[in-house]
Amino acid sequence: MQKVLLFPLFLLLIGFASAQNKEPKKTAKQVLEELPEMLIAQPDKGTDTLADKLINFNLQLTIPPVWKEKGALIFSDFKLPKADHDPIYQSLPFPDKKLAQGIVITMNTIKKTTAEKKDLVLKDVRAHLTALYKESGEAISAKELDEKVASLVSAPESFTTAEGRKGELYYINDIQSQQSNFVMLLLIPGADGKSSHFVDFRYYRFNYESNIPDDMTEWRMFIYPDEQQAYVDFTKKILSTLIIR
């Protein structure tokens, strides 16, 4: 019975091969050899829908595809070095100035409130500034240090993602002796009130000056307000794509 069914198929395939005017006539042996490829359709490769998606556990962010291609996700940290190199710098504001030399995006859900997470970030800012004063040989009181840290952190700004998640957004200048960071910290409270979702989105550039300035805020990532605002607006568009599953 099987031979009876295969024989008409065999004749059909031979007829199909013979009917191709532009192709040389194939022998029965050639048709049999090509039979597996002719019967198994090869699907067309569609667009990669994850080419611009940064995913970490239950969080998803949409970023420029070139970032995904050139960067690397290590645990909850997405690292994109050489942001001032081609082709990455062309995806950033003021591409001719090449303001950012690298980007680090950290996003996660943690068992800490948004206030506790913010305090952890500010603790790092304070430690970095303390080390900078120590390196410069300058003394600073605890009160002065608190005031300096406060001047580097913006007041919370209400922020709503495209899917309707509400949180608070902070702008933070984190200054170190060898590197300056501009951080946009998005904090969204968890449903239980005891956890939080966050995105720590930071741009950085390296400091090559050996002399620490009298006013250390001169080492901020952005000196000019229009440059900072352009990066803020650009980053907000990315942060608005945050999806929490």
Protein backbone atom coordinates (compact mmCIF):
# COMPACT_ATOMS: atom_id res chain seq x y z
CA MET A 1 0.00 0.00 0.00
CA GLN A 2 2.83 2.40 0.89
CA LYS A 3 4.54 1.77 -2.45
CA VAL A 4 1.28 2.46 -4.25
CA LEU A 5 0.96 5.87 -2.54
CA LEU A 6 4.56 6.88 -3.07
CA PHE A 7 4.57 6.04 -6.78
CA PRO A 8 2.09 8.79 -7.85
CA LEU A 9 3.99 11.28 -5.72
CA PHE A 10 7.18 10.17 -7.38
CA LEU A 11 5.65 10.71 -10.85
CA LEU A 12 4.29 14.10 -9.80
CA LEU A 13 7.70 15.28 -8.66
CA ILE A 14 9.31 14.14 -11.87
CA GLY A 15 6.66 15.99 -13.88
CA PHE A 16 7.19 19.14 -11.84
CA ALA A 17 10.93 19.03 -12.41
CA SER A 18 10.47 18.44 -16.15
CA ALA A 19 8.07 21.37 -16.49
CA GLN A 20 10.63 23.98 -15.46
CA ASN A 21 11.65 25.60 -18.75
CA LYS A 22 14.48 27.60 -17.28
CA GLU A 23 16.03 24.72 -15.39
CA PRO A 24 17.80 21.71 -16.93
CA LYS A 25 15.79 18.51 -16.84
CA LYS A 26 16.45 16.47 -13.68
CA THR A 27 16.79 12.75 -13.52
CA ALA A 28 14.64 10.60 -11.26
CA LYS A 29 17.64 10.06 -9.00
CA GLN A 30 18.16 13.82 -8.57
CA VAL A 31 14.51 14.32 -7.70
CA LEU A 32 14.70 11.62 -5.04
CA GLU A 33 17.83 13.16 -3.56
CA GLU A 34 16.10 16.54 -3.29
CA LEU A 35 12.86 15.10 -1.96
CA PRO A 36 13.47 15.96 1.76
CA GLU A 37 14.15 19.66 1.01
CA MET A 38 11.14 19.88 -1.31
CA LEU A 39 8.77 18.45 1.28
CA ILE A 40 10.08 20.34 4.33
CA ALA A 41 9.26 24.01 3.99
CA GLN A 42 11.85 26.39 5.41
CA PRO A 43 10.09 29.27 7.24
CA ASP A 44 11.17 32.79 6.44
CA LYS A 45 13.09 34.54 9.19
CA GLY A 46 10.88 37.28 10.60
CA THR A 47 11.86 40.44 12.43
CA ASP A 48 13.54 39.83 15.78
CA THR A 49 10.96 41.27 18.19
CA LEU A 50 13.47 41.19 21.06
CA ALA A 51 16.22 43.08 19.25
CA ASP A 52 15.57 46.20 21.33
CA LYS A 53 14.26 44.63 24.55
CA LEU A 54 16.30 44.63 27.74
CA ILE A 55 14.79 41.98 30.03
CA ASN A 56 15.70 41.17 33.60
CA PHE A 57 13.38 38.77 35.41
CA ASN A 58 10.00 40.55 35.57
CA LEU A 59 11.16 43.88 34.13
CA GLN A 60 11.46 44.91 30.51
CA LEU A 61 12.83 48.07 28.94
CA THR A 62 13.01 49.10 25.29
CA ILE A 63 16.39 50.48 24.25
CA PRO A 64 17.99 51.35 20.88
CA PRO A 65 18.84 48.09 19.04
CA VAL A 66 22.48 49.17 18.63
CA TRP A 67 22.78 49.29 22.43
CA LYS A 68 21.52 45.74 22.73
CA GLU A 69 23.99 44.65 20.07
CA LYS A 70 27.03 46.36 21.60
CA GLY A 71 26.20 46.00 25.31
CA ALA A 72 26.14 43.10 27.74
CA LEU A 73 23.69 42.12 30.49
CA ILE A 74 25.50 40.90 33.59
CA PHE A 75 23.02 39.86 36.26
CA SER A 76 20.87 42.97 36.73
CA ASP A 77 23.44 45.33 35.14
CA PHE A 78 23.41 46.19 31.46
CA LYS A 79 26.79 47.68 30.55
CA LEU A 80 27.44 49.69 27.43
CA PRO A 81 31.04 50.92 27.32
CA LYS A 82 32.52 53.07 24.56
CA ALA A 83 29.33 55.08 24.15
CA ASP A 84 31.45 57.78 22.48
CA HIS A 85 32.45 55.39 19.71
CA ASP A 86 30.73 54.69 16.40
CA PRO A 87 27.93 53.68 16.03
CA ILE A 88 26.67 54.14 19.63
CA TYR A 89 27.35 57.88 19.96
CA GLN A 90 25.04 58.55 17.01
CA SER A 91 22.11 57.22 19.04
CA LEU A 92 22.61 59.81 21.81
CA PRO A 93 21.77 63.55 22.10
CA PHE A 94 24.47 65.96 20.88
CA PRO A 95 26.33 63.18 19.00
CA ASP A 96 29.02 65.60 17.81
CA LYS A 97 30.00 66.38 21.43
CA LYS A 98 30.22 62.72 22.55
CA LEU A 99 29.33 63.66 26.12
CA ALA A 100 28.83 60.17 27.53
CA GLN A 101 31.60 57.60 27.45
CA GLY A 102 29.55 54.78 28.87
CA ILE A 103 26.10 53.75 30.08
CA VAL A 104 25.05 51.39 32.85
CA ILE A 105 21.42 50.38 33.34
CA THR A 106 20.49 48.44 36.46
CA MET A 107 16.90 47.31 36.96
CA ASN A 108 15.46 44.92 39.47
CA THR A 109 12.72 44.17 41.97
CA ILE A 110 13.95 44.12 45.56
CA LYS A 111 12.55 43.54 49.02
CA LYS A 112 13.12 47.14 50.06
CA THR A 113 10.85 50.15 50.00
CA THR A 114 11.48 52.95 47.53
CA ALA A 115 12.77 55.12 50.40
CA GLU A 116 15.24 52.43 51.46
CA LYS A 117 16.48 51.98 47.89
CA LYS A 118 16.92 55.74 47.46
CA ASP A 119 18.91 55.91 50.70
CA LEU A 120 21.25 53.17 49.44
CA VAL A 121 21.98 55.14 46.28
CA LEU A 122 22.57 58.36 48.21
CA LYS A 123 24.84 56.49 50.59
CA ASP A 124 27.10 55.70 47.64
CA VAL A 125 27.01 59.34 46.51
CA ARG A 126 28.03 60.44 50.00
CA ALA A 127 30.86 57.86 50.18
CA HIS A 128 32.22 58.93 46.77
CA LEU A 129 32.15 62.61 47.72
CA THR A 130 33.82 61.89 51.07
CA ALA A 131 36.62 60.02 49.30
CA LEU A 132 37.04 62.92 46.89
CA TYR A 133 37.47 65.42 49.73
CA LYS A 134 39.90 63.10 51.46
CA GLU A 135 41.94 62.74 48.28
CA SER A 136 42.09 66.51 47.87
CA GLY A 137 43.26 66.90 51.48
CA GLU A 138 40.33 69.14 52.38
CA ALA A 139 38.32 68.86 55.58
CA ILE A 140 34.54 68.98 55.51
CA SER A 141 32.06 68.76 58.35
CA ALA A 142 29.17 66.33 58.40
CA LYS A 143 26.72 69.19 57.96
CA GLU A 144 28.58 70.56 54.95
CA LEU A 145 28.77 67.09 53.46
CA ASP A 146 25.01 66.65 53.88
CA GLU A 147 24.44 69.95 52.13
CA LYS A 148 26.76 68.99 49.27
CA VAL A 149 25.00 65.65 48.78
CA ALA A 150 21.60 67.36 48.88
CA SER A 151 22.76 69.78 46.18
CA LEU A 152 23.61 66.85 43.91
CA VAL A 153 20.17 65.25 44.16
CA SER A 154 16.95 66.65 42.71
CA ALA A 155 13.58 66.61 44.43
CA PRO A 156 11.39 63.66 43.45
CA GLU A 157 9.46 64.07 40.20
CA SER A 158 6.25 62.14 39.59
CA PHE A 159 6.62 59.75 36.67
CA THR A 160 4.16 57.43 34.93
CA THR A 161 5.20 54.72 32.48
CA ALA A 162 3.34 53.98 29.25
CA GLU A 163 1.57 51.06 30.92
CA GLY A 164 0.38 53.30 33.75
CA ARG A 165 2.87 52.46 36.50
CA LYS A 166 3.41 55.43 38.82
CA GLY A 167 6.64 56.20 40.61
CA GLU A 168 9.20 58.85 41.45
CA LEU A 169 12.15 59.95 39.36
CA TYR A 170 15.35 61.46 40.77
CA TYR A 171 18.29 63.14 39.01
CA ILE A 172 21.57 62.50 40.80
CA ASN A 173 25.11 63.69 40.16
CA ASP A 174 27.52 61.09 41.51
CA ILE A 175 31.04 62.52 41.40
CA GLN A 176 34.19 60.46 41.87
CA SER A 177 37.85 61.27 41.35
CA GLN A 178 38.12 59.26 38.16
CA GLN A 179 34.56 59.17 36.95
CA SER A 180 31.46 61.37 36.95
CA ASN A 181 27.98 59.91 36.71
CA PHE A 182 24.58 61.35 35.93
CA VAL A 183 21.96 59.03 37.37
CA MET A 184 18.25 58.93 36.65
CA LEU A 185 16.72 56.77 39.34
CA LEU A 186 13.15 55.58 38.80
CA LEU A 187 11.48 54.07 41.86
CA ILE A 188 8.11 52.32 41.70
CA PRO A 189 6.58 50.82 44.85
CA GLY A 190 5.63 47.15 44.83
CA ALA A 191 2.05 46.00 45.34
CA ASP A 192 2.81 44.76 48.87
CA GLY A 193 4.27 48.10 50.00
CA LYS A 194 7.39 46.34 51.24
CA SER A 195 9.18 45.91 47.91
CA SER A 196 10.05 48.16 45.01
CA HIS A 197 10.90 48.09 41.34
CA PHE A 198 13.70 50.36 40.20
CA VAL A 199 15.70 51.41 37.19
CA ASP A 200 19.09 52.99 37.86
CA PHE A 201 20.00 54.59 34.54
CA ARG A 202 23.42 56.23 34.56
CA TYR A 203 25.65 57.94 32.05
CA TYR A 204 29.31 58.34 32.87
CA ARG A 205 32.48 59.97 31.66
CA PHE A 206 36.02 59.73 32.92
CA ASN A 207 37.93 62.54 34.64
CA TYR A 208 41.44 62.98 33.31
CA GLU A 209 42.34 66.08 35.35
CA SER A 210 44.86 65.45 38.11
CA ASN A 211 43.96 68.62 40.01
CA ILE A 212 40.68 68.48 41.88
CA PRO A 213 38.78 71.78 41.42
CA ASP A 214 37.87 73.95 44.40
CA ASP A 215 34.23 73.51 43.51
CA MET A 216 33.93 69.79 42.97
CA THR A 217 30.54 70.15 41.33
CA GLU A 218 32.48 71.36 38.28
CA TRP A 219 33.09 67.70 37.64
CA ARG A 220 29.42 67.02 37.09
CA MET A 221 28.54 64.94 34.07
CA PHE A 222 26.71 67.85 32.44
CA ILE A 223 27.89 71.42 32.89
CA TYR A 224 25.33 73.08 30.63
CA PRO A 225 21.60 72.86 31.47
CA ASP A 226 20.51 72.34 27.86
CA GLU A 227 22.76 69.30 27.53
CA GLN A 228 21.41 67.76 30.71
CA GLN A 229 17.82 68.49 29.71
CA ALA A 230 18.32 66.82 26.33
CA TYR A 231 19.60 63.68 28.03
CA VAL A 232 16.77 63.82 30.58
CA ASP A 233 14.12 64.00 27.86
CA PHE A 234 15.84 61.25 25.88
CA THR A 235 16.06 58.95 28.90
CA LYS A 236 12.48 59.61 29.97
CA LYS A 237 11.29 58.20 26.66
CA ILE A 238 13.22 55.00 27.38
CA LEU A 239 12.04 54.79 30.99
CA SER A 240 8.43 55.22 29.87
CA THR A 241 8.68 51.85 28.07
CA LEU A 242 9.25 50.00 31.36
CA ILE A 243 7.00 46.97 31.70
CA ILE A 244 6.56 45.17 35.02
CA ARG A 245 5.18 41.65 34.72
